[in-house]
């Protein structure tokens, strides 16, 4: 276990709590995106075989199991997972409070973090060609198109639906649609949603909202609809296994183009996490609408700017730590 990796997992977990923020973006920001994708991609039936084999309490099976753990970078994955679970479990209520009472500074923090972090994928690009610039622009257009697809009226309507569901309370299982067509669509939605979470710049929960299943998932969780949740989980499993392999393949075959595309996704995500937005009220709650520029510069705007600076400084700190580690490795290697 590595404390730095656990802290990275905490940051990624926080990102998954924030609507419109992608965990993939933060993984790229923290410089672990390629390693994370590669580690997940390495998980295979061989991993399952080695895990079940260790139950026979045989020394050779134990050696095979430990070798498999090293192959899939299991301790790194475990550190990230533990950090993410810690943040989701411990900080979910804190982040909800911050979003409700300090929306602009909270998003400002992530905005500053993402702006400075764009340097991370930028410096990974070996050759800044016309095709790589085109990949950046294409990715930005894709993210902006997805992020801006909902009108203010649609956002208010979705907030009203969510409010109505909360007023109804837990729903009964017979109200759920378990038809083959609906369950198949849930499998598809799970695969697409988890794939979006892997990609920087795209919020998986937002994409589920666009696909029309976000509130169905909320209803299924509230009503303990195991059938629908199982179908959705199967889709997530299929998506994470298949999509990580595709990303890993793309990084190996078209490295500069792929990293350029990822950079474009990160830059495009700034549209989704822009802190200043129009507002409306539904059921006593504030609904945030389209982006806007602040008409005045008061205390809220000042705190938001300071939060953005703080987010940027945190990224610079991570970059500094990584550079120090990279400088120390050759020294320790030569000492040996």
C-alpha atoms as a PDB file:
ATOM      1  CA  UNK A   1       0.000   0.000   0.000  1.00  0.00           C
ATOM      2  CA  UNK A   2       1.180   3.487  -0.869  1.00  0.00           C
ATOM      3  CA  UNK A   3      -0.064   6.548   1.028  1.00  0.00           C
ATOM      4  CA  UNK A   4       0.314   8.797  -2.040  1.00  0.00           C
ATOM      5  CA  UNK A   5      -1.792   6.366  -4.115  1.00  0.00           C
ATOM      6  CA  UNK A   6      -4.455   6.265  -1.383  1.00  0.00           C
ATOM      7  CA  UNK A   7      -4.556  10.087  -1.444  1.00  0.00           C
ATOM      8  CA  UNK A   8      -4.920   9.943  -5.238  1.00  0.00           C
ATOM      9  CA  UNK A   9      -7.807   7.512  -4.796  1.00  0.00           C
ATOM     10  CA  UNK A  10      -9.441   9.930  -2.358  1.00  0.00           C
ATOM     11  CA  UNK A  11      -9.236  12.732  -4.953  1.00  0.00           C
ATOM     12  CA  UNK A  12     -10.690  10.456  -7.673  1.00  0.00           C
ATOM     13  CA  UNK A  13     -13.482   9.391  -5.313  1.00  0.00           C
ATOM     14  CA  UNK A  14     -14.342  13.023  -4.569  1.00  0.00           C
ATOM     15  CA  UNK A  15     -14.516  13.686  -8.323  1.00  0.00           C
ATOM     16  CA  UNK A  16     -17.121  10.940  -8.733  1.00  0.00           C
ATOM     17  CA  UNK A  17     -19.289  12.637  -6.101  1.00  0.00           C
ATOM     18  CA  UNK A  18     -19.296  15.960  -7.972  1.00  0.00           C
ATOM     19  CA  UNK A  19     -21.875  16.180 -10.788  1.00  0.00           C
ATOM     20  CA  UNK A  20     -20.168  16.928 -14.092  1.00  0.00           C
ATOM     21  CA  UNK A  21     -16.675  16.027 -12.856  1.00  0.00           C
ATOM     22  CA  UNK A  22     -15.022  12.896 -14.265  1.00  0.00           C
ATOM     23  CA  UNK A  23     -12.908  10.506 -12.206  1.00  0.00           C
ATOM     24  CA  UNK A  24     -10.942   9.851 -15.398  1.00  0.00           C
ATOM     25  CA  UNK A  25     -10.021  13.533 -15.549  1.00  0.00           C
ATOM     26  CA  UNK A  26      -8.551  13.411 -12.059  1.00  0.00           C
ATOM     27  CA  UNK A  27      -6.666  10.183 -12.838  1.00  0.00           C
ATOM     28  CA  UNK A  28      -5.084  11.945 -15.819  1.00  0.00           C
ATOM     29  CA  UNK A  29      -4.433  15.052 -13.722  1.00  0.00           C
ATOM     30  CA  UNK A  30      -2.625  12.994 -11.090  1.00  0.00           C
ATOM     31  CA  UNK A  31      -0.469  11.256 -13.692  1.00  0.00           C
ATOM     32  CA  UNK A  32      -1.792   7.726 -13.092  1.00  0.00           C
ATOM     33  CA  UNK A  33      -4.272   7.337 -15.958  1.00  0.00           C
ATOM     34  CA  UNK A  34      -2.130   5.041 -18.141  1.00  0.00           C
ATOM     35  CA  UNK A  35      -1.060   2.919 -15.184  1.00  0.00           C
ATOM     36  CA  UNK A  36      -4.655   2.603 -13.959  1.00  0.00           C
ATOM     37  CA  UNK A  37      -5.983   1.618 -17.391  1.00  0.00           C
ATOM     38  CA  UNK A  38      -3.143  -0.871 -17.857  1.00  0.00           C
ATOM     39  CA  UNK A  39      -3.693  -2.445 -14.435  1.00  0.00           C
ATOM     40  CA  UNK A  40      -7.441  -2.906 -14.981  1.00  0.00           C
ATOM     41  CA  UNK A  41      -6.782  -4.270 -18.475  1.00  0.00           C
ATOM     42  CA  UNK A  42      -4.425  -6.905 -17.027  1.00  0.00           C
ATOM     43  CA  UNK A  43      -7.195  -8.464 -14.916  1.00  0.00           C
ATOM     44  CA  UNK A  44      -8.222 -11.686 -16.666  1.00  0.00           C
ATOM     45  CA  UNK A  45      -9.449 -15.244 -16.134  1.00  0.00           C
ATOM     46  CA  UNK A  46      -5.871 -16.050 -15.083  1.00  0.00           C
ATOM     47  CA  UNK A  47      -6.397 -13.691 -12.136  1.00  0.00           C
ATOM     48  CA  UNK A  48      -9.550 -15.575 -11.148  1.00  0.00           C
ATOM     49  CA  UNK A  49      -7.760 -18.930 -11.530  1.00  0.00           C
ATOM     50  CA  UNK A  50      -4.846 -17.803  -9.354  1.00  0.00           C
ATOM     51  CA  UNK A  51      -7.213 -16.385  -6.724  1.00  0.00           C
ATOM     52  CA  UNK A  52      -9.268 -19.584  -6.441  1.00  0.00           C
ATOM     53  CA  UNK A  53      -6.097 -21.699  -6.524  1.00  0.00           C
ATOM     54  CA  UNK A  54      -4.734 -20.095  -3.358  1.00  0.00           C
ATOM     55  CA  UNK A  55      -7.685 -21.605  -1.437  1.00  0.00           C
ATOM     56  CA  UNK A  56      -6.024 -25.021  -1.803  1.00  0.00           C
ATOM     57  CA  UNK A  57      -3.279 -23.851   0.602  1.00  0.00           C
ATOM     58  CA  UNK A  58      -0.536 -25.088  -1.697  1.00  0.00           C
ATOM     59  CA  UNK A  59       2.857 -23.338  -1.746  1.00  0.00           C
ATOM     60  CA  UNK A  60       3.109 -23.353  -5.550  1.00  0.00           C
ATOM     61  CA  UNK A  61      -0.417 -21.956  -5.823  1.00  0.00           C
ATOM     62  CA  UNK A  62       0.485 -19.223  -3.346  1.00  0.00           C
ATOM     63  CA  UNK A  63       3.542 -18.282  -5.418  1.00  0.00           C
ATOM     64  CA  UNK A  64       1.383 -18.174  -8.545  1.00  0.00           C
ATOM     65  CA  UNK A  65      -1.116 -15.967  -6.702  1.00  0.00           C
ATOM     66  CA  UNK A  66       1.522 -13.460  -5.520  1.00  0.00           C
ATOM     67  CA  UNK A  67       3.044 -13.379  -9.020  1.00  0.00           C
ATOM     68  CA  UNK A  68      -0.401 -12.621 -10.460  1.00  0.00           C
ATOM     69  CA  UNK A  69      -0.899  -9.811  -7.928  1.00  0.00           C
ATOM     70  CA  UNK A  70       2.353  -8.240  -9.110  1.00  0.00           C
ATOM     71  CA  UNK A  71       1.373  -8.685 -12.766  1.00  0.00           C
ATOM     72  CA  UNK A  72      -1.923  -6.818 -12.393  1.00  0.00           C
ATOM     73  CA  UNK A  73      -0.391  -4.144 -10.108  1.00  0.00           C
ATOM     74  CA  UNK A  74      -2.858  -5.209  -7.416  1.00  0.00           C
ATOM     75  CA  UNK A  75      -1.445  -3.123  -4.564  1.00  0.00           C
ATOM     76  CA  UNK A  76      -1.693   0.021  -6.692  1.00  0.00           C
ATOM     77  CA  UNK A  77      -5.302  -0.816  -7.629  1.00  0.00           C
ATOM     78  CA  UNK A  78      -6.131  -1.598  -3.996  1.00  0.00           C
ATOM     79  CA  UNK A  79      -4.651   1.727  -2.835  1.00  0.00           C
ATOM     80  CA  UNK A  80      -6.701   3.679  -5.394  1.00  0.00           C
ATOM     81  CA  UNK A  81      -9.859   1.715  -4.531  1.00  0.00           C
ATOM     82  CA  UNK A  82      -9.394   2.173  -0.776  1.00  0.00           C
ATOM     83  CA  UNK A  83      -8.854   5.908  -1.233  1.00  0.00           C
ATOM     84  CA  UNK A  84     -11.918   6.224  -3.468  1.00  0.00           C
ATOM     85  CA  UNK A  85     -14.106   4.293  -1.005  1.00  0.00           C
ATOM     86  CA  UNK A  86     -12.830   6.395   1.900  1.00  0.00           C
ATOM     87  CA  UNK A  87     -13.704   9.636   0.125  1.00  0.00           C
ATOM     88  CA  UNK A  88     -17.091   8.425  -1.117  1.00  0.00           C
ATOM     89  CA  UNK A  89     -18.012   7.096   2.331  1.00  0.00           C
ATOM     90  CA  UNK A  90     -16.570   9.893   4.459  1.00  0.00           C
ATOM     91  CA  UNK A  91     -16.831  12.936   2.216  1.00  0.00           C
ATOM     92  CA  UNK A  92     -20.123  12.389   0.376  1.00  0.00           C
ATOM     93  CA  UNK A  93     -22.085  14.403   2.942  1.00  0.00           C
ATOM     94  CA  UNK A  94     -19.346  17.032   3.145  1.00  0.00           C
ATOM     95  CA  UNK A  95     -19.303  17.489  -0.635  1.00  0.00           C
ATOM     96  CA  UNK A  96     -23.110  17.609  -0.726  1.00  0.00           C
ATOM     97  CA  UNK A  97     -23.009  20.360   1.905  1.00  0.00           C
ATOM     98  CA  UNK A  98     -20.321  22.286  -0.006  1.00  0.00           C
ATOM     99  CA  UNK A  99     -22.255  22.013  -3.273  1.00  0.00           C
ATOM    100  CA  UNK A 100     -25.457  23.231  -1.619  1.00  0.00           C
ATOM    101  CA  UNK A 101     -23.914  26.112   0.342  1.00  0.00           C
ATOM    102  CA  UNK A 102     -20.682  26.921  -1.536  1.00  0.00           C
ATOM    103  CA  UNK A 103     -21.417  25.824  -5.101  1.00  0.00           C
ATOM    104  CA  UNK A 104     -19.256  28.371  -6.932  1.00  0.00           C
ATOM    105  CA  UNK A 105     -16.085  28.015  -4.801  1.00  0.00           C
ATOM    106  CA  UNK A 106     -16.357  24.205  -4.906  1.00  0.00           C
ATOM    107  CA  UNK A 107     -16.564  24.113  -8.692  1.00  0.00           C
ATOM    108  CA  UNK A 108     -13.965  26.886  -8.828  1.00  0.00           C
ATOM    109  CA  UNK A 109     -11.565  24.617  -6.943  1.00  0.00           C
ATOM    110  CA  UNK A 110     -11.999  21.831  -9.504  1.00  0.00           C
ATOM    111  CA  UNK A 111     -11.834  24.313 -12.362  1.00  0.00           C
ATOM    112  CA  UNK A 112      -8.434  25.568 -11.187  1.00  0.00           C
ATOM    113  CA  UNK A 113      -7.289  22.019 -10.655  1.00  0.00           C
ATOM    114  CA  UNK A 114      -8.209  21.017 -14.224  1.00  0.00           C
ATOM    115  CA  UNK A 115      -6.752  24.164 -15.863  1.00  0.00           C
ATOM    116  CA  UNK A 116      -3.296  23.634 -14.358  1.00  0.00           C
ATOM    117  CA  UNK A 117      -3.489  19.868 -14.819  1.00  0.00           C
ATOM    118  CA  UNK A 118      -3.768  20.223 -18.600  1.00  0.00           C
ATOM    119  CA  UNK A 119       0.029  20.465 -18.484  1.00  0.00           C
ATOM    120  CA  UNK A 120       0.196  16.773 -17.466  1.00  0.00           C
ATOM    121  CA  UNK A 121      -1.148  15.253 -20.725  1.00  0.00           C
ATOM    122  CA  UNK A 122       0.371  18.109 -22.783  1.00  0.00           C
ATOM    123  CA  UNK A 123       3.914  17.219 -21.753  1.00  0.00           C
ATOM    124  CA  UNK A 124       3.270  13.537 -22.543  1.00  0.00           C
ATOM    125  CA  UNK A 125       2.672  14.298 -26.236  1.00  0.00           C
ATOM    126  CA  UNK A 126       5.869  13.512 -28.119  1.00  0.00           C
ATOM    127  CA  UNK A 127       5.126  15.381 -31.355  1.00  0.00           C
ATOM    128  CA  UNK A 128       2.689  18.304 -31.570  1.00  0.00           C
ATOM    129  CA  UNK A 129       1.531  17.709 -35.139  1.00  0.00           C
ATOM    130  CA  UNK A 130      -1.531  18.969 -37.007  1.00  0.00           C
ATOM    131  CA  UNK A 131      -3.280  15.634 -36.357  1.00  0.00           C
ATOM    132  CA  UNK A 132      -2.700  15.899 -32.603  1.00  0.00           C
ATOM    133  CA  UNK A 133      -4.111  19.454 -32.594  1.00  0.00           C
ATOM    134  CA  UNK A 134      -7.113  18.162 -34.553  1.00  0.00           C
ATOM    135  CA  UNK A 135      -7.589  15.388 -31.963  1.00  0.00           C
ATOM    136  CA  UNK A 136      -7.610  17.984 -29.165  1.00  0.00           C
ATOM    137  CA  UNK A 137     -10.220  20.107 -30.970  1.00  0.00           C
ATOM    138  CA  UNK A 138     -12.404  17.077 -31.807  1.00  0.00           C
ATOM    139  CA  UNK A 139     -12.390  15.898 -28.192  1.00  0.00           C
ATOM    140  CA  UNK A 140     -13.246  19.383 -26.916  1.00  0.00           C
ATOM    141  CA  UNK A 141     -16.170  19.608 -29.342  1.00  0.00           C
ATOM    142  CA  UNK A 142     -17.446  16.176 -28.202  1.00  0.00           C
ATOM    143  CA  UNK A 143     -17.370  17.077 -24.499  1.00  0.00           C
ATOM    144  CA  UNK A 144     -18.886  20.530 -25.032  1.00  0.00           C
ATOM    145  CA  UNK A 145     -21.658  19.004 -27.176  1.00  0.00           C
ATOM    146  CA  UNK A 146     -22.506  16.448 -24.463  1.00  0.00           C
ATOM    147  CA  UNK A 147     -22.227  18.958 -21.597  1.00  0.00           C
ATOM    148  CA  UNK A 148     -24.347  21.604 -23.342  1.00  0.00           C
ATOM    149  CA  UNK A 149     -27.039  19.320 -24.755  1.00  0.00           C
ATOM    150  CA  UNK A 150     -29.626  20.050 -22.051  1.00  0.00           C
ATOM    151  CA  UNK A 151     -31.601  23.300 -22.088  1.00  0.00           C
ATOM    152  CA  UNK A 152     -32.429  25.213 -18.914  1.00  0.00           C
ATOM    153  CA  UNK A 153     -36.043  24.021 -19.213  1.00  0.00           C
ATOM    154  CA  UNK A 154     -34.906  20.376 -19.351  1.00  0.00           C
ATOM    155  CA  UNK A 155     -32.696  20.845 -16.282  1.00  0.00           C
ATOM    156  CA  UNK A 156     -35.622  22.297 -14.357  1.00  0.00           C
ATOM    157  CA  UNK A 157     -37.843  19.408 -15.519  1.00  0.00           C
ATOM    158  CA  UNK A 158     -35.286  16.802 -14.368  1.00  0.00           C
ATOM    159  CA  UNK A 159     -34.990  18.527 -10.998  1.00  0.00           C
ATOM    160  CA  UNK A 160     -38.787  18.411 -10.675  1.00  0.00           C
ATOM    161  CA  UNK A 161     -38.826  14.672 -11.464  1.00  0.00           C
ATOM    162  CA  UNK A 162     -36.123  14.068  -8.851  1.00  0.00           C
ATOM    163  CA  UNK A 163     -38.062  16.096  -6.284  1.00  0.00           C
ATOM    164  CA  UNK A 164     -41.259  14.157  -7.032  1.00  0.00           C
ATOM    165  CA  UNK A 165     -39.414  10.839  -6.585  1.00  0.00           C
ATOM    166  CA  UNK A 166     -38.060  11.972  -3.222  1.00  0.00           C
ATOM    167  CA  UNK A 167     -41.561  12.964  -2.125  1.00  0.00           C
ATOM    168  CA  UNK A 168     -42.937   9.546  -3.102  1.00  0.00           C
ATOM    169  CA  UNK A 169     -40.367   7.681  -0.997  1.00  0.00           C
ATOM    170  CA  UNK A 170     -39.379   4.061  -1.592  1.00  0.00           C
ATOM    171  CA  UNK A 171     -41.175   2.522  -4.567  1.00  0.00           C
ATOM    172  CA  UNK A 172     -42.557  -1.018  -4.746  1.00  0.00           C
ATOM    173  CA  UNK A 173     -40.882  -3.624  -6.956  1.00  0.00           C
ATOM    174  CA  UNK A 174     -43.969  -4.160  -9.139  1.00  0.00           C
ATOM    175  CA  UNK A 175     -43.613  -0.625 -10.461  1.00  0.00           C
ATOM    176  CA  UNK A 176     -40.337  -1.503 -12.207  1.00  0.00           C
ATOM    177  CA  UNK A 177     -40.061  -2.532 -15.841  1.00  0.00           C
ATOM    178  CA  UNK A 178     -38.375  -5.944 -16.107  1.00  0.00           C
ATOM    179  CA  UNK A 179     -39.099  -6.546 -19.777  1.00  0.00           C
ATOM    180  CA  UNK A 180     -36.221  -8.068 -21.818  1.00  0.00           C
ATOM    181  CA  UNK A 181     -35.956  -4.887 -23.896  1.00  0.00           C
ATOM    182  CA  UNK A 182     -35.680  -2.657 -20.811  1.00  0.00           C
ATOM    183  CA  UNK A 183     -33.153  -4.902 -19.065  1.00  0.00           C
ATOM    184  CA  UNK A 184     -31.077  -5.106 -22.258  1.00  0.00           C
ATOM    185  CA  UNK A 185     -31.063  -1.316 -22.401  1.00  0.00           C
ATOM    186  CA  UNK A 186     -29.931  -1.222 -18.756  1.00  0.00           C
ATOM    187  CA  UNK A 187     -26.996  -3.501 -19.629  1.00  0.00           C
ATOM    188  CA  UNK A 188     -26.129  -1.160 -22.506  1.00  0.00           C
ATOM    189  CA  UNK A 189     -26.486   1.923 -20.278  1.00  0.00           C
ATOM    190  CA  UNK A 190     -24.205   0.375 -17.651  1.00  0.00           C
ATOM    191  CA  UNK A 191     -21.523  -0.340 -20.264  1.00  0.00           C
ATOM    192  CA  UNK A 192     -21.741   3.177 -21.709  1.00  0.00           C
ATOM    193  CA  UNK A 193     -21.883   4.865 -18.286  1.00  0.00           C
ATOM    194  CA  UNK A 194     -18.812   3.115 -16.875  1.00  0.00           C
ATOM    195  CA  UNK A 195     -16.926   3.749 -20.125  1.00  0.00           C
ATOM    196  CA  UNK A 196     -17.701   7.459 -19.771  1.00  0.00           C
ATOM    197  CA  UNK A 197     -16.375   7.413 -16.214  1.00  0.00           C
ATOM    198  CA  UNK A 198     -13.091   5.980 -17.511  1.00  0.00           C
ATOM    199  CA  UNK A 199     -12.757   8.762 -20.092  1.00  0.00           C
ATOM    200  CA  UNK A 200     -11.473  12.118 -18.791  1.00  0.00           C
ATOM    201  CA  UNK A 201     -13.836  15.048 -19.201  1.00  0.00           C
ATOM    202  CA  UNK A 202     -17.102  13.112 -19.357  1.00  0.00           C
ATOM    203  CA  UNK A 203     -19.296  12.539 -16.301  1.00  0.00           C
ATOM    204  CA  UNK A 204     -20.823   9.058 -16.295  1.00  0.00           C
ATOM    205  CA  UNK A 205     -23.804  10.158 -14.204  1.00  0.00           C
ATOM    206  CA  UNK A 206     -24.482  13.023 -16.625  1.00  0.00           C
ATOM    207  CA  UNK A 207     -24.404  10.622 -19.579  1.00  0.00           C
ATOM    208  CA  UNK A 208     -26.872   8.312 -17.789  1.00  0.00           C
ATOM    209  CA  UNK A 209     -29.088  11.363 -17.352  1.00  0.00           C
ATOM    210  CA  UNK A 210     -28.978  12.008 -21.107  1.00  0.00           C
ATOM    211  CA  UNK A 211     -29.789   8.329 -21.808  1.00  0.00           C
ATOM    212  CA  UNK A 212     -32.891   8.588 -19.626  1.00  0.00           C
ATOM    213  CA  UNK A 213     -31.897   5.969 -17.030  1.00  0.00           C
ATOM    214  CA  UNK A 214     -30.392   8.098 -14.248  1.00  0.00           C
ATOM    215  CA  UNK A 215     -33.623   8.373 -12.269  1.00  0.00           C
ATOM    216  CA  UNK A 216     -34.457   4.718 -13.002  1.00  0.00           C
ATOM    217  CA  UNK A 217     -31.208   3.763 -11.277  1.00  0.00           C
ATOM    218  CA  UNK A 218     -32.084   6.003  -8.321  1.00  0.00           C
ATOM    219  CA  UNK A 219     -35.530   4.376  -8.134  1.00  0.00           C
ATOM    220  CA  UNK A 220     -33.968   0.907  -8.315  1.00  0.00           C
ATOM    221  CA  UNK A 221     -31.590   1.697  -5.459  1.00  0.00           C
ATOM    222  CA  UNK A 222     -34.406   3.190  -3.356  1.00  0.00           C
ATOM    223  CA  UNK A 223     -36.753   0.277  -4.083  1.00  0.00           C
ATOM    224  CA  UNK A 224     -34.047  -2.440  -3.874  1.00  0.00           C
ATOM    225  CA  UNK A 225     -34.849  -3.572  -7.411  1.00  0.00           C
ATOM    226  CA  UNK A 226     -32.196  -6.302  -7.616  1.00  0.00           C
ATOM    227  CA  UNK A 227     -33.098  -7.339 -11.182  1.00  0.00           C
ATOM    228  CA  UNK A 228     -32.549  -3.892 -12.716  1.00  0.00           C
ATOM    229  CA  UNK A 229     -29.437  -3.254 -10.616  1.00  0.00           C
ATOM    230  CA  UNK A 230     -28.004  -6.643 -11.637  1.00  0.00           C
ATOM    231  CA  UNK A 231     -28.536  -5.852 -15.333  1.00  0.00           C
ATOM    232  CA  UNK A 232     -26.895  -2.453 -14.895  1.00  0.00           C
ATOM    233  CA  UNK A 233     -23.965  -3.991 -12.967  1.00  0.00           C
ATOM    234  CA  UNK A 234     -23.400  -6.589 -15.701  1.00  0.00           C
ATOM    235  CA  UNK A 235     -23.197  -3.744 -18.210  1.00  0.00           C
ATOM    236  CA  UNK A 236     -20.674  -1.921 -16.001  1.00  0.00           C
ATOM    237  CA  UNK A 237     -18.525  -5.054 -15.792  1.00  0.00           C
ATOM    238  CA  UNK A 238     -18.631  -5.554 -19.572  1.00  0.00           C
ATOM    239  CA  UNK A 239     -17.855  -1.883 -20.177  1.00  0.00           C
ATOM    240  CA  UNK A 240     -14.889  -1.630 -17.826  1.00  0.00           C
ATOM    241  CA  UNK A 241     -13.295  -4.837 -19.156  1.00  0.00           C
ATOM    242  CA  UNK A 242     -13.830  -4.003 -22.840  1.00  0.00           C
ATOM    243  CA  UNK A 243     -13.197  -0.261 -22.759  1.00  0.00           C
ATOM    244  CA  UNK A 244      -9.997  -0.377 -20.721  1.00  0.00           C
ATOM    245  CA  UNK A 245      -8.617  -2.827 -23.276  1.00  0.00           C
ATOM    246  CA  UNK A 246      -9.548  -0.461 -26.095  1.00  0.00           C
ATOM    247  CA  UNK A 247      -7.924   2.542 -24.367  1.00  0.00           C
ATOM    248  CA  UNK A 248      -4.801   0.510 -23.616  1.00  0.00           C
ATOM    249  CA  UNK A 249      -4.642  -0.628 -27.268  1.00  0.00           C
ATOM    250  CA  UNK A 250      -5.057   2.958 -28.503  1.00  0.00           C
ATOM    251  CA  UNK A 251      -2.302   4.210 -26.189  1.00  0.00           C
ATOM    252  CA  UNK A 252       0.077   1.564 -27.518  1.00  0.00           C
ATOM    253  CA  UNK A 253      -0.770   2.010 -31.214  1.00  0.00           C
ATOM    254  CA  UNK A 254      -1.510   5.764 -31.488  1.00  0.00           C
ATOM    255  CA  UNK A 255       0.065   7.218 -28.343  1.00  0.00           C
ATOM    256  CA  UNK A 256       0.333  10.910 -29.308  1.00  0.00           C
ATOM    257  CA  UNK A 257      -3.107  10.978 -30.946  1.00  0.00           C
ATOM    258  CA  UNK A 258      -4.737   9.236 -27.965  1.00  0.00           C
ATOM    259  CA  UNK A 259      -3.096  11.486 -25.368  1.00  0.00           C
ATOM    260  CA  UNK A 260      -4.024  14.534 -27.488  1.00  0.00           C
ATOM    261  CA  UNK A 261      -7.644  13.352 -27.529  1.00  0.00           C
ATOM    262  CA  UNK A 262      -7.539  12.865 -23.746  1.00  0.00           C
ATOM    263  CA  UNK A 263      -6.108  16.384 -23.384  1.00  0.00           C
ATOM    264  CA  UNK A 264      -9.041  17.711 -25.422  1.00  0.00           C
ATOM    265  CA  UNK A 265     -11.483  15.892 -23.137  1.00  0.00           C
ATOM    266  CA  UNK A 266      -9.862  17.498 -20.098  1.00  0.00           C
ATOM    267  CA  UNK A 267      -9.997  21.001 -21.619  1.00  0.00           C
ATOM    268  CA  UNK A 268     -13.583  20.476 -22.796  1.00  0.00           C
ATOM    269  CA  UNK A 269     -14.649  19.485 -19.279  1.00  0.00           C
ATOM    270  CA  UNK A 270     -14.076  23.085 -18.177  1.00  0.00           C
ATOM    271  CA  UNK A 271     -17.454  23.902 -19.744  1.00  0.00           C
ATOM    272  CA  UNK A 272     -19.193  21.419 -17.418  1.00  0.00           C
ATOM    273  CA  UNK A 273     -17.384  22.549 -14.255  1.00  0.00           C
ATOM    274  CA  UNK A 274     -17.460  26.316 -14.905  1.00  0.00           C
ATOM    275  CA  UNK A 275     -18.445  27.663 -11.456  1.00  0.00           C
ATOM    276  CA  UNK A 276     -20.711  30.572 -12.402  1.00  0.00           C
ATOM    277  CA  UNK A 277     -24.181  29.510 -13.590  1.00  0.00           C
ATOM    278  CA  UNK A 278     -27.735  30.784 -13.772  1.00  0.00           C
ATOM    279  CA  UNK A 279     -30.133  29.482 -11.102  1.00  0.00           C
ATOM    280  CA  UNK A 280     -33.767  28.464 -10.582  1.00  0.00           C
ATOM    281  CA  UNK A 281     -35.639  27.035  -7.591  1.00  0.00           C
ATOM    282  CA  UNK A 282     -37.494  23.688  -7.537  1.00  0.00           C
ATOM    283  CA  UNK A 283     -39.028  22.320  -4.340  1.00  0.00           C
ATOM    284  CA  UNK A 284     -37.102  24.791  -2.220  1.00  0.00           C
ATOM    285  CA  UNK A 285     -33.782  23.764  -3.786  1.00  0.00           C
ATOM    286  CA  UNK A 286     -31.538  25.694  -6.153  1.00  0.00           C
ATOM    287  CA  UNK A 287     -31.129  24.256  -9.666  1.00  0.00           C
ATOM    288  CA  UNK A 288     -28.037  25.373 -11.563  1.00  0.00           C
ATOM    289  CA  UNK A 289     -28.595  26.205 -15.227  1.00  0.00           C
ATOM    290  CA  UNK A 290     -26.395  27.401 -18.107  1.00  0.00           C
ATOM    291  CA  UNK A 291     -22.955  28.958 -17.644  1.00  0.00           C
ATOM    292  CA  UNK A 292     -22.695  32.718 -17.243  1.00  0.00           C
ATOM    293  CA  UNK A 293     -20.091  35.359 -16.535  1.00  0.00           C
ATOM    294  CA  UNK A 294     -20.491  37.119 -13.168  1.00  0.00           C
ATOM    295  CA  UNK A 295     -22.050  40.565 -13.583  1.00  0.00           C
ATOM    296  CA  UNK A 296     -20.320  41.840 -10.428  1.00  0.00           C
ATOM    297  CA  UNK A 297     -17.194  40.867  -8.501  1.00  0.00           C
ATOM    298  CA  UNK A 298     -18.126  40.391  -4.870  1.00  0.00           C
ATOM    299  CA  UNK A 299     -17.125  38.137  -1.977  1.00  0.00           C
ATOM    300  CA  UNK A 300     -18.469  34.976  -3.663  1.00  0.00           C
ATOM    301  CA  UNK A 301     -16.481  35.627  -6.832  1.00  0.00           C
ATOM    302  CA  UNK A 302     -13.327  36.423  -4.838  1.00  0.00           C
ATOM    303  CA  UNK A 303     -13.585  33.196  -2.819  1.00  0.00           C
ATOM    304  CA  UNK A 304     -14.218  31.248  -6.037  1.00  0.00           C
ATOM    305  CA  UNK A 305     -11.051  32.660  -7.628  1.00  0.00           C
ATOM    306  CA  UNK A 306      -9.041  31.834  -4.479  1.00  0.00           C
ATOM    307  CA  UNK A 307     -10.462  28.290  -4.525  1.00  0.00           C
ATOM    308  CA  UNK A 308      -9.399  27.938  -8.178  1.00  0.00           C
ATOM    309  CA  UNK A 309      -5.882  29.089  -7.262  1.00  0.00           C
ATOM    310  CA  UNK A 310      -5.820  26.548  -4.410  1.00  0.00           C
ATOM    311  CA  UNK A 311      -6.852  23.776  -6.808  1.00  0.00           C
ATOM    312  CA  UNK A 312      -4.088  24.761  -9.215  1.00  0.00           C
ATOM    313  CA  UNK A 313      -1.494  24.832  -6.421  1.00  0.00           C
ATOM    314  CA  UNK A 314      -2.465  21.316  -5.338  1.00  0.00           C
ATOM    315  CA  UNK A 315      -1.812  20.039  -8.874  1.00  0.00           C
ATOM    316  CA  UNK A 316       1.556  21.826  -8.903  1.00  0.00           C
ATOM    317  CA  UNK A 317       2.362  20.116  -5.593  1.00  0.00           C
ATOM    318  CA  UNK A 318       1.583  16.684  -7.074  1.00  0.00           C
ATOM    319  CA  UNK A 319       3.717  17.499 -10.145  1.00  0.00           C
ATOM    320  CA  UNK A 320       6.580  18.617  -7.872  1.00  0.00           C
ATOM    321  CA  UNK A 321       6.374  15.395  -5.825  1.00  0.00           C
ATOM    322  CA  UNK A 322       6.384  13.279  -9.007  1.00  0.00           C
ATOM    323  CA  UNK A 323       9.399  15.172 -10.386  1.00  0.00           C
ATOM    324  CA  UNK A 324      11.278  14.711  -7.110  1.00  0.00           C
ATOM    325  CA  UNK A 325      10.556  10.979  -7.168  1.00  0.00           C
ATOM    326  CA  UNK A 326      11.739  10.765 -10.791  1.00  0.00           C
ATOM    327  CA  UNK A 327      14.985  12.578  -9.891  1.00  0.00           C
ATOM    328  CA  UNK A 328      15.650  10.310  -6.906  1.00  0.00           C
ATOM    329  CA  UNK A 329      15.243   7.043  -8.848  1.00  0.00           C
ATOM    330  CA  UNK A 330      18.375   7.452 -11.032  1.00  0.00           C
ATOM    331  CA  UNK A 331      20.374   8.502  -7.954  1.00  0.00           C
ATOM    332  CA  UNK A 332      19.304   5.431  -5.960  1.00  0.00           C
ATOM    333  CA  UNK A 333      19.909   3.207  -8.986  1.00  0.00           C
ATOM    334  CA  UNK A 334      23.470   4.536  -9.463  1.00  0.00           C
ATOM    335  CA  UNK A 335      24.159   4.118  -5.738  1.00  0.00           C
ATOM    336  CA  UNK A 336      23.420   0.422  -6.086  1.00  0.00           C
END
